[in-house]
PDB file of N, CA and C in Angstrom:
ATOM      1  N   MET A   1      77.208  11.942 154.705  1.00  0.00           N
ATOM      2  CA  MET A   1      76.330  13.050 153.633  1.00  0.00           C
ATOM      3  C   MET A   1      75.940  14.190 154.117  1.00  0.00           C
ATOM      4  N   GLU A   2      77.026  15.383 154.067  1.00  0.00           N
ATOM      5  CA  GLU A   2      76.664  16.412 154.597  1.00  0.00           C
ATOM      6  C   GLU A   2      76.111  17.678 153.425  1.00  0.00           C
ATOM      7  N   ASN A   3      75.250  17.788 154.011  1.00  0.00           N
ATOM      8  CA  ASN A   3      74.583  19.268 152.939  1.00  0.00           C
ATOM      9  C   ASN A   3      75.558  20.590 153.946  1.00  0.00           C
ATOM     10  N   ASN A   4      74.405  21.541 153.146  1.00  0.00           N
ATOM     11  CA  ASN A   4      75.065  22.884 154.128  1.00  0.00           C
ATOM     12  C   ASN A   4      74.407  23.304 155.087  1.00  0.00           C
ATOM     13  N   GLU A   5      73.512  22.615 155.456  1.00  0.00           N
ATOM     14  CA  GLU A   5      72.757  22.596 157.086  1.00  0.00           C
ATOM     15  C   GLU A   5      73.712  22.134 158.427  1.00  0.00           C
ATOM     16  N   THR A   6      73.831  21.162 157.447  1.00  0.00           N
ATOM     17  CA  THR A   6      75.067  20.752 158.773  1.00  0.00           C
ATOM     18  C   THR A   6      76.693  20.547 158.923  1.00  0.00           C
ATOM     19  N   MET A   7      77.206  22.020 157.940  1.00  0.00           N
ATOM     20  CA  MET A   7      78.387  22.071 157.905  1.00  0.00           C
ATOM     21  C   MET A   7      79.038  22.668 158.281  1.00  0.00           C
ATOM     22  N   VAL A   8      80.014  22.280 159.230  1.00  0.00           N
ATOM     23  CA  VAL A   8      80.882  22.575 160.225  1.00  0.00           C
ATOM     24  C   VAL A   8      82.229  23.859 159.863  1.00  0.00           C
ATOM     25  N   ILE A   9      82.288  25.021 159.920  1.00  0.00           N
ATOM     26  CA  ILE A   9      83.382  25.482 158.997  1.00  0.00           C
ATOM     27  C   ILE A   9      84.491  25.745 160.230  1.00  0.00           C
ATOM     28  N   ASP A  10      85.913  25.279 160.120  1.00  0.00           N
ATOM     29  CA  ASP A  10      86.819  25.096 160.957  1.00  0.00           C
ATOM     30  C   ASP A  10      87.275  26.246 160.879  1.00  0.00           C
ATOM     31  N   LEU A  11      87.815  27.415 161.266  1.00  0.00           N
ATOM     32  CA  LEU A  11      88.296  28.798 161.141  1.00  0.00           C
ATOM     33  C   LEU A  11      89.629  28.496 161.001  1.00  0.00           C
ATOM     34  N   ALA A  12      90.430  27.868 161.616  1.00  0.00           N
ATOM     35  CA  ALA A  12      91.807  27.228 161.867  1.00  0.00           C
ATOM     36  C   ALA A  12      92.075  26.787 160.770  1.00  0.00           C
ATOM     37  N   GLU A  13      91.457  25.422 159.890  1.00  0.00           N
ATOM     38  CA  GLU A  13      91.635  25.046 158.682  1.00  0.00           C
ATOM     39  C   GLU A  13      91.841  26.063 157.725  1.00  0.00           C
ATOM     40  N   TYR A  14      90.804  27.140 157.468  1.00  0.00           N
ATOM     41  CA  TYR A  14      90.546  28.003 156.778  1.00  0.00           C
ATOM     42  C   TYR A  14      91.703  28.714 156.584  1.00  0.00           C
ATOM     43  N   ALA A  15      91.988  29.586 157.768  1.00  0.00           N
ATOM     44  CA  ALA A  15      93.178  30.310 158.041  1.00  0.00           C
ATOM     45  C   ALA A  15      94.683  29.870 157.495  1.00  0.00           C
ATOM     46  N   LYS A  16      94.660  28.085 157.777  1.00  0.00           N
ATOM     47  CA  LYS A  16      95.525  27.868 157.378  1.00  0.00           C
ATOM     48  C   LYS A  16      95.941  27.762 156.125  1.00  0.00           C
ATOM     49  N   GLU A  17      94.807  27.363 155.299  1.00  0.00           N
ATOM     50  CA  GLU A  17      94.793  27.161 154.013  1.00  0.00           C
ATOM     51  C   GLU A  17      94.849  28.372 153.176  1.00  0.00           C
ATOM     52  N   GLN A  18      94.360  29.337 153.936  1.00  0.00           N
ATOM     53  CA  GLN A  18      94.320  30.755 153.448  1.00  0.00           C
ATOM     54  C   GLN A  18      93.312  31.484 152.598  1.00  0.00           C
ATOM     55  N   LYS A  19      91.931  30.593 152.695  1.00  0.00           N
ATOM     56  CA  LYS A  19      90.950  30.497 152.375  1.00  0.00           C
ATOM     57  C   LYS A  19      89.997  31.509 153.222  1.00  0.00           C
ATOM     58  N   LYS A  20      89.214  32.061 152.442  1.00  0.00           N
ATOM     59  CA  LYS A  20      87.874  33.138 153.190  1.00  0.00           C
ATOM     60  C   LYS A  20      86.737  31.851 153.491  1.00  0.00           C
ATOM     61  N   PRO A  21      86.385  32.161 154.921  1.00  0.00           N
ATOM     62  CA  PRO A  21      85.340  30.859 155.531  1.00  0.00           C
ATOM     63  C   PRO A  21      84.274  31.279 154.861  1.00  0.00           C
ATOM     64  N   PRO A  22      83.135  30.336 154.248  1.00  0.00           N
ATOM     65  CA  PRO A  22      82.137  30.765 153.390  1.00  0.00           C
ATOM     66  C   PRO A  22      81.061  30.640 154.281  1.00  0.00           C
ATOM     67  N   LYS A  23      79.568  31.128 154.455  1.00  0.00           N
ATOM     68  CA  LYS A  23      78.593  31.191 154.944  1.00  0.00           C
ATOM     69  C   LYS A  23      78.528  29.835 155.622  1.00  0.00           C
ATOM     70  N   GLY A  24      78.157  29.501 156.216  1.00  0.00           N
ATOM     71  CA  GLY A  24      77.766  27.815 156.887  1.00  0.00           C
ATOM     72  C   GLY A  24      76.710  27.851 157.852  1.00  0.00           C
ATOM     73  N   ALA A  25      76.466  26.938 157.957  1.00  0.00           N
ATOM     74  CA  ALA A  25      75.633  26.383 159.445  1.00  0.00           C
ATOM     75  C   ALA A  25      76.164  26.828 160.638  1.00  0.00           C
ATOM     76  N   LYS A  26      77.640  26.478 160.811  1.00  0.00           N
ATOM     77  CA  LYS A  26      78.217  26.471 162.310  1.00  0.00           C
ATOM     78  C   LYS A  26      79.744  26.406 161.972  1.00  0.00           C
ATOM     79  N   TYR A  27      80.114  27.185 162.831  1.00  0.00           N
ATOM     80  CA  TYR A  27      81.801  27.814 162.673  1.00  0.00           C
ATOM     81  C   TYR A  27      82.576  27.057 164.614  1.00  0.00           C
ATOM     82  N   LYS A  28      83.328  26.458 163.689  1.00  0.00           N
ATOM     83  CA  LYS A  28      84.393  26.020 165.006  1.00  0.00           C
ATOM     84  C   LYS A  28      85.541  26.705 165.240  1.00  0.00           C
ATOM     85  N   PHE A  29      85.693  27.262 166.294  1.00  0.00           N
ATOM     86  CA  PHE A  29      86.839  27.687 166.725  1.00  0.00           C
ATOM     87  C   PHE A  29      87.447  27.782 167.919  1.00  0.00           C
ATOM     88  N   GLN A  30      88.735  27.728 168.283  1.00  0.00           N
ATOM     89  CA  GLN A  30      89.459  27.356 169.439  1.00  0.00           C
ATOM     90  C   GLN A  30      89.476  28.672 170.856  1.00  0.00           C
ATOM     91  N   VAL A  31      89.451  28.666 171.992  1.00  0.00           N
ATOM     92  CA  VAL A  31      89.419  30.154 172.824  1.00  0.00           C
ATOM     93  C   VAL A  31      90.678  29.129 173.841  1.00  0.00           C
ATOM     94  N   LYS A  32      91.653  29.572 173.483  1.00  0.00           N
ATOM     95  CA  LYS A  32      93.143  29.099 174.429  1.00  0.00           C
ATOM     96  C   LYS A  32      92.956  27.413 173.877  1.00  0.00           C
ATOM     97  N   ASN A  33      92.603  26.243 174.534  1.00  0.00           N
ATOM     98  CA  ASN A  33      92.645  25.379 174.518  1.00  0.00           C
ATOM     99  C   ASN A  33      91.456  24.230 173.975  1.00  0.00           C
ATOM    100  N   LYS A  34      90.370  24.731 174.473  1.00  0.00           N
ATOM    101  CA  LYS A  34      89.240  24.233 174.231  1.00  0.00           C
ATOM    102  C   LYS A  34      88.713  24.755 172.689  1.00  0.00           C
ATOM    103  N   VAL A  35      87.543  24.032 172.194  1.00  0.00           N
ATOM    104  CA  VAL A  35      87.141  24.103 171.061  1.00  0.00           C
ATOM    105  C   VAL A  35      85.787  24.394 171.087  1.00  0.00           C
ATOM    106  N   TYR A  36      84.902  25.270 170.574  1.00  0.00           N
ATOM    107  CA  TYR A  36      83.817  25.461 170.467  1.00  0.00           C
ATOM    108  C   TYR A  36      82.827  25.671 169.207  1.00  0.00           C
ATOM    109  N   GLU A  37      81.770  25.262 169.434  1.00  0.00           N
ATOM    110  CA  GLU A  37      81.267  25.178 167.836  1.00  0.00           C
ATOM    111  C   GLU A  37      79.583  26.498 167.970  1.00  0.00           C
ATOM    112  N   VAL A  38      79.298  26.991 167.201  1.00  0.00           N
ATOM    113  CA  VAL A  38      78.226  28.431 167.232  1.00  0.00           C
ATOM    114  C   VAL A  38      77.720  28.240 166.183  1.00  0.00           C
ATOM    115  N   ASN A  39      76.283  28.826 166.040  1.00  0.00           N
ATOM    116  CA  ASN A  39      75.147  28.327 165.282  1.00  0.00           C
ATOM    117  C   ASN A  39      75.379  30.119 164.185  1.00  0.00           C
ATOM    118  N   VAL A  40      76.419  30.742 164.959  1.00  0.00           N
ATOM    119  CA  VAL A  40      76.068  32.213 164.187  1.00  0.00           C
ATOM    120  C   VAL A  40      77.208  32.671 163.779  1.00  0.00           C
ATOM    121  N   GLU A  41      77.414  33.423 162.741  1.00  0.00           N
ATOM    122  CA  GLU A  41      78.564  33.670 161.826  1.00  0.00           C
ATOM    123  C   GLU A  41      79.255  35.421 162.619  1.00  0.00           C
ATOM    124  N   GLU A  42      78.647  35.579 163.524  1.00  0.00           N
ATOM    125  CA  GLU A  42      79.314  36.558 164.279  1.00  0.00           C
ATOM    126  C   GLU A  42      79.045  36.735 165.812  1.00  0.00           C
ATOM    127  N   MET A  43      80.033  36.870 166.758  1.00  0.00           N
ATOM    128  CA  MET A  43      79.737  37.481 167.723  1.00  0.00           C
ATOM    129  C   MET A  43      80.491  38.538 168.752  1.00  0.00           C
ATOM    130  N   THR A  44      80.268  39.185 169.512  1.00  0.00           N
ATOM    131  CA  THR A  44      80.950  40.250 170.329  1.00  0.00           C
ATOM    132  C   THR A  44      81.794  39.329 171.188  1.00  0.00           C
ATOM    133  N   GLY A  45      82.921  40.393 171.545  1.00  0.00           N
ATOM    134  CA  GLY A  45      84.287  40.076 172.418  1.00  0.00           C
ATOM    135  C   GLY A  45      83.561  39.438 173.724  1.00  0.00           C
ATOM    136  N   ARG A  46      82.123  40.071 173.963  1.00  0.00           N
ATOM    137  CA  ARG A  46      81.850  39.739 175.228  1.00  0.00           C
ATOM    138  C   ARG A  46      80.954  38.615 175.371  1.00  0.00           C
ATOM    139  N   GLU A  47      80.321  37.938 173.707  1.00  0.00           N
ATOM    140  CA  GLU A  47      79.377  36.415 173.853  1.00  0.00           C
ATOM    141  C   GLU A  47      80.767  35.416 173.823  1.00  0.00           C
ATOM    142  N   ILE A  48      82.111  35.574 172.978  1.00  0.00           N
ATOM    143  CA  ILE A  48      82.757  35.004 173.136  1.00  0.00           C
ATOM    144  C   ILE A  48      83.534  34.880 174.722  1.00  0.00           C
ATOM    145  N   CYS A  49      84.126  35.722 175.090  1.00  0.00           N
ATOM    146  CA  CYS A  49      84.234  35.649 176.590  1.00  0.00           C
ATOM    147  C   CYS A  49      83.219  34.632 177.514  1.00  0.00           C
ATOM    148  N   GLU A  50      82.113  35.044 177.633  1.00  0.00           N
ATOM    149  CA  GLU A  50      80.737  34.553 177.714  1.00  0.00           C
ATOM    150  C   GLU A  50      80.921  32.943 177.921  1.00  0.00           C
ATOM    151  N   LEU A  51      80.815  32.691 176.360  1.00  0.00           N
ATOM    152  CA  LEU A  51      81.076  31.191 175.927  1.00  0.00           C
ATOM    153  C   LEU A  51      82.116  30.425 176.879  1.00  0.00           C
ATOM    154  N   ALA A  52      83.406  31.204 176.705  1.00  0.00           N
ATOM    155  CA  ALA A  52      84.134  30.319 177.301  1.00  0.00           C
ATOM    156  C   ALA A  52      84.735  30.323 178.392  1.00  0.00           C
ATOM    157  N   GLY A  53      83.446  30.615 179.367  1.00  0.00           N
ATOM    158  CA  GLY A  53      82.999  30.756 180.789  1.00  0.00           C
ATOM    159  C   GLY A  53      84.435  32.088 181.327  1.00  0.00           C
ATOM    160  N   LEU A  54      84.532  32.870 180.334  1.00  0.00           N
ATOM    161  CA  LEU A  54      85.607  34.304 181.159  1.00  0.00           C
ATOM    162  C   LEU A  54      83.980  34.773 181.656  1.00  0.00           C
ATOM    163  N   ILE A  55      83.951  34.577 182.791  1.00  0.00           N
ATOM    164  CA  ILE A  55      83.263  35.507 183.988  1.00  0.00           C
ATOM    165  C   ILE A  55      83.679  36.268 184.833  1.00  0.00           C
ATOM    166  N   PRO A  56      83.438  37.600 185.280  1.00  0.00           N
ATOM    167  CA  PRO A  56      82.631  38.483 184.164  1.00  0.00           C
ATOM    168  C   PRO A  56      83.880  38.670 183.197  1.00  0.00           C
ATOM    169  N   PRO A  57      83.368  39.010 181.850  1.00  0.00           N
ATOM    170  CA  PRO A  57      84.372  39.151 180.910  1.00  0.00           C
ATOM    171  C   PRO A  57      85.118  40.590 180.789  1.00  0.00           C
ATOM    172  N   GLU A  58      84.656  41.616 181.824  1.00  0.00           N
ATOM    173  CA  GLU A  58      85.603  42.613 182.254  1.00  0.00           C
ATOM    174  C   GLU A  58      86.912  42.552 182.648  1.00  0.00           C
ATOM    175  N   ASN A  59      86.876  41.173 183.261  1.00  0.00           N
ATOM    176  CA  ASN A  59      88.112  40.633 183.826  1.00  0.00           C
ATOM    177  C   ASN A  59      88.875  40.252 183.153  1.00  0.00           C
ATOM    178  N   TYR A  60      88.765  39.967 181.488  1.00  0.00           N
ATOM    179  CA  TYR A  60      90.147  39.099 180.530  1.00  0.00           C
ATOM    180  C   TYR A  60      90.246  40.228 179.831  1.00  0.00           C
ATOM    181  N   LYS A  61      91.759  39.771 179.197  1.00  0.00           N
ATOM    182  CA  LYS A  61      91.726  40.815 177.626  1.00  0.00           C
ATOM    183  C   LYS A  61      91.653  39.323 176.644  1.00  0.00           C
ATOM    184  N   LEU A  62      90.805  40.135 175.442  1.00  0.00           N
ATOM    185  CA  LEU A  62      90.953  38.820 174.697  1.00  0.00           C
ATOM    186  C   LEU A  62      91.300  39.227 173.358  1.00  0.00           C
ATOM    187  N   ASP A  63      92.404  38.376 173.238  1.00  0.00           N
ATOM    188  CA  ASP A  63      93.037  38.528 171.622  1.00  0.00           C
ATOM    189  C   ASP A  63      92.041  37.369 170.646  1.00  0.00           C
ATOM    190  N   MET A  64      92.456  38.009 169.432  1.00  0.00           N
ATOM    191  CA  MET A  64      92.442  37.375 167.931  1.00  0.00           C
ATOM    192  C   MET A  64      93.600  36.789 167.676  1.00  0.00           C
ATOM    193  N   LYS A  65      93.950  35.527 166.874  1.00  0.00           N
ATOM    194  CA  LYS A  65      95.315  34.939 166.489  1.00  0.00           C
ATOM    195  C   LYS A  65      94.848  34.972 165.200  1.00  0.00           C
ATOM    196  N   LEU A  66      95.461  36.032 164.070  1.00  0.00           N
ATOM    197  CA  LEU A  66      95.501  35.436 162.602  1.00  0.00           C
ATOM    198  C   LEU A  66      96.469  34.970 162.055  1.00  0.00           C
ATOM    199  N   HIS A  67      96.346  34.236 160.910  1.00  0.00           N
ATOM    200  CA  HIS A  67      97.387  33.985 160.366  1.00  0.00           C
ATOM    201  C   HIS A  67      98.074  34.595 160.307  1.00  0.00           C
ATOM    202  N   GLY A  68     100.257  34.021 160.268  1.00  0.00           N
ATOM    203  CA  GLY A  68     101.028  34.521 160.408  1.00  0.00           C
ATOM    204  C   GLY A  68     101.139  35.199 161.694  1.00  0.00           C
ATOM    205  N   GLY A  69     100.739  34.802 163.029  1.00  0.00           N
ATOM    206  CA  GLY A  69     101.144  35.190 164.036  1.00  0.00           C
ATOM    207  C   GLY A  69     100.408  36.684 164.439  1.00  0.00           C
ATOM    208  N   ILE A  70      99.663  36.981 163.785  1.00  0.00           N
ATOM    209  CA  ILE A  70      99.393  38.507 164.291  1.00  0.00           C
ATOM    210  C   ILE A  70      98.577  38.450 165.537  1.00  0.00           C
ATOM    211  N   TYR A  71      98.412  39.264 166.390  1.00  0.00           N
ATOM    212  CA  TYR A  71      97.542  39.369 167.371  1.00  0.00           C
ATOM    213  C   TYR A  71      96.164  40.416 167.236  1.00  0.00           C
ATOM    214  N   GLU A  72      95.546  40.333 167.927  1.00  0.00           N
ATOM    215  CA  GLU A  72      94.516  41.513 167.473  1.00  0.00           C
ATOM    216  C   GLU A  72      93.455  41.628 169.022  1.00  0.00           C
ATOM    217  N   GLU A  73      93.650  42.702 169.564  1.00  0.00           N
ATOM    218  CA  GLU A  73      92.977  42.821 170.921  1.00  0.00           C
ATOM    219  C   GLU A  73      91.435  42.948 170.029  1.00  0.00           C
ATOM    220  N   ILE A  74      90.625  42.285 170.784  1.00  0.00           N
ATOM    221  CA  ILE A  74      89.158  42.332 170.319  1.00  0.00           C
ATOM    222  C   ILE A  74      88.740  43.180 172.143  1.00  0.00           C
ATOM    223  N   LYS A  75      87.719  44.018 171.848  1.00  0.00           N
ATOM    224  CA  LYS A  75      86.941  44.794 172.847  1.00  0.00           C
ATOM    225  C   LYS A  75      85.651  44.122 173.209  1.00  0.00           C
ATOM    226  N   LEU A  76      85.429  44.306 173.845  1.00  0.00           N
ATOM    227  CA  LEU A  76      83.701  43.498 174.683  1.00  0.00           C
ATOM    228  C   LEU A  76      82.886  43.550 174.061  1.00  0.00           C
ATOM    229  N   ASP A  77      82.747  44.976 173.498  1.00  0.00           N
ATOM    230  CA  ASP A  77      81.692  45.063 172.341  1.00  0.00           C
ATOM    231  C   ASP A  77      81.623  45.220 170.897  1.00  0.00           C
ATOM    232  N   GLN A  78      83.300  44.641 170.540  1.00  0.00           N
ATOM    233  CA  GLN A  78      83.677  44.667 168.797  1.00  0.00           C
ATOM    234  C   GLN A  78      82.667  43.321 168.706  1.00  0.00           C
ATOM    235  N   ILE A  79      82.472  43.695 167.171  1.00  0.00           N
ATOM    236  CA  ILE A  79      81.704  42.318 166.795  1.00  0.00           C
ATOM    237  C   ILE A  79      82.862  41.513 165.975  1.00  0.00           C
ATOM    238  N   VAL A  80      83.011  40.217 166.248  1.00  0.00           N
ATOM    239  CA  VAL A  80      84.137  39.528 164.944  1.00  0.00           C
ATOM    240  C   VAL A  80      83.293  38.781 163.975  1.00  0.00           C
ATOM    241  N   SER A  81      83.603  38.875 162.866  1.00  0.00           N
ATOM    242  CA  SER A  81      82.812  37.950 162.108  1.00  0.00           C
ATOM    243  C   SER A  81      83.650  36.666 161.818  1.00  0.00           C
ATOM    244  N   PHE A  82      83.172  35.943 161.829  1.00  0.00           N
ATOM    245  CA  PHE A  82      83.607  34.253 161.399  1.00  0.00           C
ATOM    246  C   PHE A  82      83.879  33.974 160.069  1.00  0.00           C
ATOM    247  N   LEU A  83      83.263  35.292 158.928  1.00  0.00           N
ATOM    248  CA  LEU A  83      83.545  34.830 157.686  1.00  0.00           C
ATOM    249  C   LEU A  83      84.769  36.012 157.403  1.00  0.00           C
ATOM    250  N   LYS A  84      85.668  36.441 158.050  1.00  0.00           N
ATOM    251  CA  LYS A  84      86.823  37.233 157.969  1.00  0.00           C
ATOM    252  C   LYS A  84      87.656  35.843 157.520  1.00  0.00           C
ATOM    253  N   PRO A  85      88.547  36.088 156.726  1.00  0.00           N
ATOM    254  CA  PRO A  85      89.503  35.423 156.514  1.00  0.00           C
ATOM    255  C   PRO A  85      90.903  35.306 157.085  1.00  0.00           C
ATOM    256  N   GLY A  86      91.372  34.384 157.839  1.00  0.00           N
ATOM    257  CA  GLY A  86      92.966  34.263 158.700  1.00  0.00           C
ATOM    258  C   GLY A  86      92.575  34.305 160.343  1.00  0.00           C
ATOM    259  N   ILE A  87      91.003  33.851 160.817  1.00  0.00           N
ATOM    260  CA  ILE A  87      90.869  34.063 161.743  1.00  0.00           C
ATOM    261  C   ILE A  87      91.522  32.540 162.545  1.00  0.00           C
ATOM    262  N   GLU A  88      92.865  32.462 163.295  1.00  0.00           N
ATOM    263  CA  GLU A  88      93.387  30.891 163.812  1.00  0.00           C
ATOM    264  C   GLU A  88      92.377  30.604 164.994  1.00  0.00           C
ATOM    265  N   LYS A  89      91.940  31.898 166.099  1.00  0.00           N
ATOM    266  CA  LYS A  89      92.206  31.181 167.513  1.00  0.00           C
ATOM    267  C   LYS A  89      92.231  31.934 168.034  1.00  0.00           C
ATOM    268  N   PHE A  90      91.174  32.236 169.354  1.00  0.00           N
ATOM    269  CA  PHE A  90      91.123  33.157 170.009  1.00  0.00           C
ATOM    270  C   PHE A  90      91.801  32.806 171.488  1.00  0.00           C
ATOM    271  N   THR A  91      92.602  34.115 172.461  1.00  0.00           N
ATOM    272  CA  THR A  91      93.211  33.375 173.765  1.00  0.00           C
ATOM    273  C   THR A  91      93.213  34.615 174.327  1.00  0.00           C
ATOM    274  N   TYR A  92      93.245  34.806 175.785  1.00  0.00           N
ATOM    275  CA  TYR A  92      93.064  35.681 176.811  1.00  0.00           C
ATOM    276  C   TYR A  92      94.012  35.608 177.458  1.00  0.00           C
ATOM    277  N   ILE A  93      93.956  36.635 178.292  1.00  0.00           N
ATOM    278  CA  ILE A  93      94.802  36.477 179.915  1.00  0.00           C
ATOM    279  C   ILE A  93      94.036  37.193 181.040  1.00  0.00           C
ATOM    280  N   SER A  94      94.413  37.434 181.865  1.00  0.00           N
ATOM    281  CA  SER A  94      93.200  37.801 183.173  1.00  0.00           C
ATOM    282  C   SER A  94      93.904  39.204 183.106  1.00  0.00           C
ATOM    283  N   ARG A  95      92.856  40.329 183.297  1.00  0.00           N
ATOM    284  CA  ARG A  95      93.406  41.542 183.253  1.00  0.00           C
ATOM    285  C   ARG A  95      94.255  42.301 184.736  1.00  0.00           C
ATOM    286  N   ASP A  96      93.715  41.138 185.912  1.00  0.00           N
ATOM    287  CA  ASP A  96      94.157  41.116 187.215  1.00  0.00           C
ATOM    288  C   ASP A  96      95.176  40.157 187.400  1.00  0.00           C
ATOM    289  N   GLN A  97      96.816  39.765 186.965  1.00  0.00           N
ATOM    290  CA  GLN A  97      97.343  39.240 187.160  1.00  0.00           C
ATOM    291  C   GLN A  97      98.139  39.011 188.662  1.00  0.00           C
ATOM    292  N   THR A  98      97.234  39.156 189.958  1.00  0.00           N
ATOM    293  CA  THR A  98      97.986  39.307 190.574  1.00  0.00           C
ATOM    294  C   THR A  98      96.924  38.665 191.330  1.00  0.00           C
ATOM    295  N   GLU A  99      97.543  37.530 192.641  1.00  0.00           N
ATOM    296  CA  GLU A  99      96.783  36.921 193.176  1.00  0.00           C
ATOM    297  C   GLU A  99      96.523  37.166 194.583  1.00  0.00           C
ATOM    298  N   GLY A 100      95.192  37.515 194.881  1.00  0.00           N
ATOM    299  CA  GLY A 100      95.260  38.128 196.133  1.00  0.00           C
ATOM    300  C   GLY A 100      93.790  37.212 197.179  1.00  0.00           C
TER     301      GLY A 100
END
């Protein structure tokens, strides 16, 4: 018995079906191989990093993978709207790739 209050919007599913995600109560997305659910329809790059435990966020480069294999770098102060069609997942790399 799902109503709009409990609806979880899986961004990867909508991207795969090439549909625009509707406004919903929750959004589900992946950062690397971990799945997160949030109750907001937009977050900054910094908030996504912090959610994924990437602390401090300045040490990571966050990318948004879009349908069709396109990667877009997300700046820390950039707002990502989960209503944007085509978001498959987020990936990141450490800005400092050297062990020390």
